[in-house]
Amino acid sequence: MRSPGGERLCPQEQVSKLRVVKRLLNAGHRPSKVLVQPIESLRELAESSGIGKDVPDAELDLLLELLHSGAYEEFRFNLLKRATRDGLERFVLDVAAPLSARVGNAWAAGTLQVYHEHLFSDAIQVTLRSLMRPLSEALRGRSARPRVLLTTLSDE
């Protein structure tokens, strides 16, 4: 199908299948074995292969549930609370990075939508800026400024 503007439109079930196929191909599964299977079989294969598995963490599970349920202000508050408690380095390593992976896995599984991902990115940026502001002020006048780089692997 095409939109009035000429852009390709795909049904949600096809998008969900393509997400799982991409994860399986990235994990080394052969296209000829993956592409012909129904979505249920692909999900089982991904589950049995451990693709998209998250390390258990109750606090991260809570944050992801808040994001999923639309409790955006509570999600942001809990991020900021954790960041303030743990500090910039621990927050990036223990919360931002693994939570980014969880959001990506949930999106690939079709349990989070793109707008959830955008809300997540916004909340992480706001939180990091609030943590870095005091560092920036303390370093004002010096050539060094605090920097944090968050990235993903190519094709992710």
C-alpha atoms as a PDB file:
ATOM      1  CA  MET A   1       0.000   0.000   0.000  1.00  0.00           C
ATOM      2  CA  ARG A   2       1.057   3.592  -0.527  1.00  0.00           C
ATOM      3  CA  SER A   3       0.148   6.778   1.323  1.00  0.00           C
ATOM      4  CA  PRO A   4      -1.303   9.757  -0.577  1.00  0.00           C
ATOM      5  CA  GLY A   5       2.262  11.165  -0.548  1.00  0.00           C
ATOM      6  CA  GLY A   6       3.619   7.999  -2.194  1.00  0.00           C
ATOM      7  CA  GLU A   7       5.280   6.502   0.897  1.00  0.00           C
ATOM      8  CA  ARG A   8       5.090   2.746   1.415  1.00  0.00           C
ATOM      9  CA  LEU A   9       2.691   1.642   4.170  1.00  0.00           C
ATOM     10  CA  CYS A  10       2.951  -1.761   5.855  1.00  0.00           C
ATOM     11  CA  PRO A  11       0.458  -3.487   8.142  1.00  0.00           C
ATOM     12  CA  GLN A  12       1.549  -3.637  11.810  1.00  0.00           C
ATOM     13  CA  GLU A  13       1.850  -7.443  11.750  1.00  0.00           C
ATOM     14  CA  GLN A  14       4.263  -7.214   8.817  1.00  0.00           C
ATOM     15  CA  VAL A  15       6.337  -4.585  10.639  1.00  0.00           C
ATOM     16  CA  SER A  16       6.439  -6.810  13.740  1.00  0.00           C
ATOM     17  CA  LYS A  17       7.617  -9.767  11.659  1.00  0.00           C
ATOM     18  CA  LEU A  18      10.299  -7.682   9.957  1.00  0.00           C
ATOM     19  CA  ARG A  19      11.622  -6.541  13.342  1.00  0.00           C
ATOM     20  CA  VAL A  20      11.984 -10.143  14.540  1.00  0.00           C
ATOM     21  CA  VAL A  21      13.524 -11.213  11.213  1.00  0.00           C
ATOM     22  CA  LYS A  22      16.093  -8.407  11.476  1.00  0.00           C
ATOM     23  CA  ARG A  23      17.083  -9.464  14.992  1.00  0.00           C
ATOM     24  CA  LEU A  24      17.421 -13.102  13.915  1.00  0.00           C
ATOM     25  CA  LEU A  25      19.501 -12.218  10.861  1.00  0.00           C
ATOM     26  CA  ASN A  26      21.743  -9.978  12.976  1.00  0.00           C
ATOM     27  CA  ALA A  27      22.221 -12.913  15.356  1.00  0.00           C
ATOM     28  CA  GLY A  28      23.476 -15.076  12.475  1.00  0.00           C
ATOM     29  CA  HIS A  29      20.395 -17.021  11.408  1.00  0.00           C
ATOM     30  CA  ARG A  30      20.158 -17.793   7.686  1.00  0.00           C
ATOM     31  CA  PRO A  31      17.661 -15.777   5.607  1.00  0.00           C
ATOM     32  CA  SER A  32      16.414 -18.895   3.776  1.00  0.00           C
ATOM     33  CA  LYS A  33      15.441 -20.474   7.107  1.00  0.00           C
ATOM     34  CA  VAL A  34      13.951 -17.345   8.687  1.00  0.00           C
ATOM     35  CA  LEU A  35      11.979 -15.560   5.966  1.00  0.00           C
ATOM     36  CA  VAL A  36       9.580 -18.428   5.230  1.00  0.00           C
ATOM     37  CA  GLN A  37       8.480 -18.968   8.839  1.00  0.00           C
ATOM     38  CA  PRO A  38       5.321 -17.511  10.419  1.00  0.00           C
ATOM     39  CA  ILE A  39       5.701 -14.819  13.088  1.00  0.00           C
ATOM     40  CA  GLU A  40       4.864 -17.224  15.940  1.00  0.00           C
ATOM     41  CA  SER A  41       7.719 -19.553  14.920  1.00  0.00           C
ATOM     42  CA  LEU A  42      10.085 -16.604  14.577  1.00  0.00           C
ATOM     43  CA  ARG A  43       9.213 -15.360  18.055  1.00  0.00           C
ATOM     44  CA  GLU A  44       9.812 -18.847  19.485  1.00  0.00           C
ATOM     45  CA  LEU A  45      13.149 -19.041  17.674  1.00  0.00           C
ATOM     46  CA  ALA A  46      14.163 -15.616  18.994  1.00  0.00           C
ATOM     47  CA  GLU A  47      13.077 -16.619  22.516  1.00  0.00           C
ATOM     48  CA  SER A  48      14.972 -19.914  22.432  1.00  0.00           C
ATOM     49  CA  SER A  49      18.040 -18.169  20.981  1.00  0.00           C
ATOM     50  CA  GLY A  50      18.045 -15.615  23.810  1.00  0.00           C
ATOM     51  CA  ILE A  51      17.711 -12.707  21.373  1.00  0.00           C
ATOM     52  CA  GLY A  52      16.484  -9.560  23.068  1.00  0.00           C
ATOM     53  CA  LYS A  53      16.698 -11.027  26.570  1.00  0.00           C
ATOM     54  CA  ASP A  54      17.107  -8.502  29.345  1.00  0.00           C
ATOM     55  CA  VAL A  55      19.119  -9.116  32.493  1.00  0.00           C
ATOM     56  CA  PRO A  56      16.634  -9.127  35.402  1.00  0.00           C
ATOM     57  CA  ASP A  57      16.508  -5.786  37.239  1.00  0.00           C
ATOM     58  CA  ALA A  58      13.376  -4.737  39.158  1.00  0.00           C
ATOM     59  CA  GLU A  59      14.179  -1.003  39.008  1.00  0.00           C
ATOM     60  CA  LEU A  60      14.702  -1.064  35.247  1.00  0.00           C
ATOM     61  CA  ASP A  61      11.537  -3.148  34.837  1.00  0.00           C
ATOM     62  CA  LEU A  62       9.615  -0.491  36.778  1.00  0.00           C
ATOM     63  CA  LEU A  63      11.036   2.311  34.620  1.00  0.00           C
ATOM     64  CA  LEU A  64      10.109   0.452  31.441  1.00  0.00           C
ATOM     65  CA  GLU A  65       6.592  -0.196  32.747  1.00  0.00           C
ATOM     66  CA  LEU A  66       6.137   3.488  33.595  1.00  0.00           C
ATOM     67  CA  LEU A  67       7.198   4.410  30.076  1.00  0.00           C
ATOM     68  CA  HIS A  68       4.926   1.783  28.530  1.00  0.00           C
ATOM     69  CA  SER A  69       1.906   2.802  30.599  1.00  0.00           C
ATOM     70  CA  GLY A  70       2.262   6.470  29.662  1.00  0.00           C
ATOM     71  CA  ALA A  71       3.246   7.666  33.137  1.00  0.00           C
ATOM     72  CA  TYR A  72       5.806   9.972  31.558  1.00  0.00           C
ATOM     73  CA  GLU A  73       6.197  12.452  34.430  1.00  0.00           C
ATOM     74  CA  GLU A  74       6.649   9.618  36.935  1.00  0.00           C
ATOM     75  CA  PHE A  75       9.131   7.988  34.545  1.00  0.00           C
ATOM     76  CA  ARG A  76      11.148  11.227  34.325  1.00  0.00           C
ATOM     77  CA  PHE A  77      10.988  11.738  38.091  1.00  0.00           C
ATOM     78  CA  ASN A  78      12.281   8.206  38.760  1.00  0.00           C
ATOM     79  CA  LEU A  79      15.103   8.667  36.240  1.00  0.00           C
ATOM     80  CA  LEU A  80      16.150  11.921  37.886  1.00  0.00           C
ATOM     81  CA  LYS A  81      15.908  10.397  41.374  1.00  0.00           C
ATOM     82  CA  ARG A  82      18.134   7.486  40.351  1.00  0.00           C
ATOM     83  CA  ALA A  83      20.577   9.820  38.560  1.00  0.00           C
ATOM     84  CA  THR A  84      20.831  12.126  41.570  1.00  0.00           C
ATOM     85  CA  ARG A  85      21.370   9.184  43.899  1.00  0.00           C
ATOM     86  CA  ASP A  86      23.957   7.387  41.740  1.00  0.00           C
ATOM     87  CA  GLY A  87      25.814  10.236  40.031  1.00  0.00           C
ATOM     88  CA  LEU A  88      26.551  10.758  36.352  1.00  0.00           C
ATOM     89  CA  GLU A  89      28.908   7.844  35.677  1.00  0.00           C
ATOM     90  CA  ARG A  90      26.884   5.195  37.536  1.00  0.00           C
ATOM     91  CA  PHE A  91      23.646   6.502  36.006  1.00  0.00           C
ATOM     92  CA  VAL A  92      25.007   6.189  32.464  1.00  0.00           C
ATOM     93  CA  LEU A  93      26.471   2.721  33.058  1.00  0.00           C
ATOM     94  CA  ASP A  94      23.798   1.200  35.313  1.00  0.00           C
ATOM     95  CA  VAL A  95      20.607   2.870  34.059  1.00  0.00           C
ATOM     96  CA  ALA A  96      20.860   4.722  30.748  1.00  0.00           C
ATOM     97  CA  ALA A  97      22.729   2.022  28.808  1.00  0.00           C
ATOM     98  CA  PRO A  98      20.780  -1.053  29.983  1.00  0.00           C
ATOM     99  CA  LEU A  99      17.471   0.811  29.838  1.00  0.00           C
ATOM    100  CA  SER A 100      18.267   1.854  26.260  1.00  0.00           C
ATOM    101  CA  ALA A 101      18.760  -1.822  25.418  1.00  0.00           C
ATOM    102  CA  ARG A 102      15.435  -2.716  27.078  1.00  0.00           C
ATOM    103  CA  VAL A 103      13.605  -0.002  25.162  1.00  0.00           C
ATOM    104  CA  GLY A 104      15.175  -1.261  21.919  1.00  0.00           C
ATOM    105  CA  ASN A 105      14.233  -4.856  22.707  1.00  0.00           C
ATOM    106  CA  ALA A 106      10.674  -3.875  23.600  1.00  0.00           C
ATOM    107  CA  TRP A 107      10.367  -1.866  20.388  1.00  0.00           C
ATOM    108  CA  ALA A 108      11.708  -4.806  18.343  1.00  0.00           C
ATOM    109  CA  ALA A 109       9.217  -7.114  20.057  1.00  0.00           C
ATOM    110  CA  GLY A 110       6.406  -4.693  19.243  1.00  0.00           C
ATOM    111  CA  THR A 111       5.500  -3.924  22.859  1.00  0.00           C
ATOM    112  CA  LEU A 112       6.650  -0.289  22.677  1.00  0.00           C
ATOM    113  CA  GLN A 113       5.822   2.172  19.932  1.00  0.00           C
ATOM    114  CA  VAL A 114       8.095   4.739  18.307  1.00  0.00           C
ATOM    115  CA  TYR A 115       6.594   7.540  20.408  1.00  0.00           C
ATOM    116  CA  HIS A 116       7.626   5.641  23.576  1.00  0.00           C
ATOM    117  CA  GLU A 117      11.173   5.592  22.217  1.00  0.00           C
ATOM    118  CA  HIS A 118      11.029   9.341  21.568  1.00  0.00           C
ATOM    119  CA  LEU A 119       9.738   9.993  25.102  1.00  0.00           C
ATOM    120  CA  PHE A 120      12.530   7.817  26.471  1.00  0.00           C
ATOM    121  CA  SER A 121      15.201   9.717  24.483  1.00  0.00           C
ATOM    122  CA  ASP A 122      13.818  13.052  25.639  1.00  0.00           C
ATOM    123  CA  ALA A 123      13.766  11.970  29.294  1.00  0.00           C
ATOM    124  CA  ILE A 124      17.341  10.646  29.138  1.00  0.00           C
ATOM    125  CA  GLN A 125      18.562  13.890  27.529  1.00  0.00           C
ATOM    126  CA  VAL A 126      16.823  16.058  30.128  1.00  0.00           C
ATOM    127  CA  THR A 127      18.222  13.920  32.956  1.00  0.00           C
ATOM    128  CA  LEU A 128      21.779  13.974  31.606  1.00  0.00           C
ATOM    129  CA  ARG A 129      21.655  17.724  31.054  1.00  0.00           C
ATOM    130  CA  SER A 130      20.478  18.290  34.609  1.00  0.00           C
ATOM    131  CA  LEU A 131      23.380  16.185  35.906  1.00  0.00           C
ATOM    132  CA  MET A 132      25.926  17.895  33.681  1.00  0.00           C
ATOM    133  CA  ARG A 133      24.824  21.483  34.361  1.00  0.00           C
ATOM    134  CA  PRO A 134      26.601  21.716  37.763  1.00  0.00           C
ATOM    135  CA  LEU A 135      29.728  20.179  36.219  1.00  0.00           C
ATOM    136  CA  SER A 136      29.636  22.707  33.385  1.00  0.00           C
ATOM    137  CA  GLU A 137      29.311  25.577  35.839  1.00  0.00           C
ATOM    138  CA  ALA A 138      32.188  24.258  37.949  1.00  0.00           C
ATOM    139  CA  LEU A 139      34.402  23.992  34.873  1.00  0.00           C
ATOM    140  CA  ARG A 140      33.413  27.363  33.413  1.00  0.00           C
ATOM    141  CA  GLY A 141      36.468  29.185  32.178  1.00  0.00           C
ATOM    142  CA  ARG A 142      38.449  25.988  31.755  1.00  0.00           C
ATOM    143  CA  SER A 143      38.962  24.348  28.397  1.00  0.00           C
ATOM    144  CA  ALA A 144      37.602  20.962  29.549  1.00  0.00           C
ATOM    145  CA  ARG A 145      33.840  20.465  29.567  1.00  0.00           C
ATOM    146  CA  PRO A 146      32.050  17.295  30.650  1.00  0.00           C
ATOM    147  CA  ARG A 147      30.944  15.134  27.755  1.00  0.00           C
ATOM    148  CA  VAL A 148      28.844  12.000  27.501  1.00  0.00           C
ATOM    149  CA  LEU A 149      28.477  10.065  24.283  1.00  0.00           C
ATOM    150  CA  LEU A 150      25.609   7.595  23.957  1.00  0.00           C
ATOM    151  CA  THR A 151      25.518   5.534  20.789  1.00  0.00           C
ATOM    152  CA  THR A 152      24.418   2.235  19.333  1.00  0.00           C
ATOM    153  CA  LEU A 153      25.975  -0.259  16.986  1.00  0.00           C
ATOM    154  CA  SER A 154      25.481   0.454  13.298  1.00  0.00           C
ATOM    155  CA  ASP A 155      22.134  -0.715  11.898  1.00  0.00           C
ATOM    156  CA  GLU A 156      20.511  -0.569  15.336  1.00  0.00           C
END
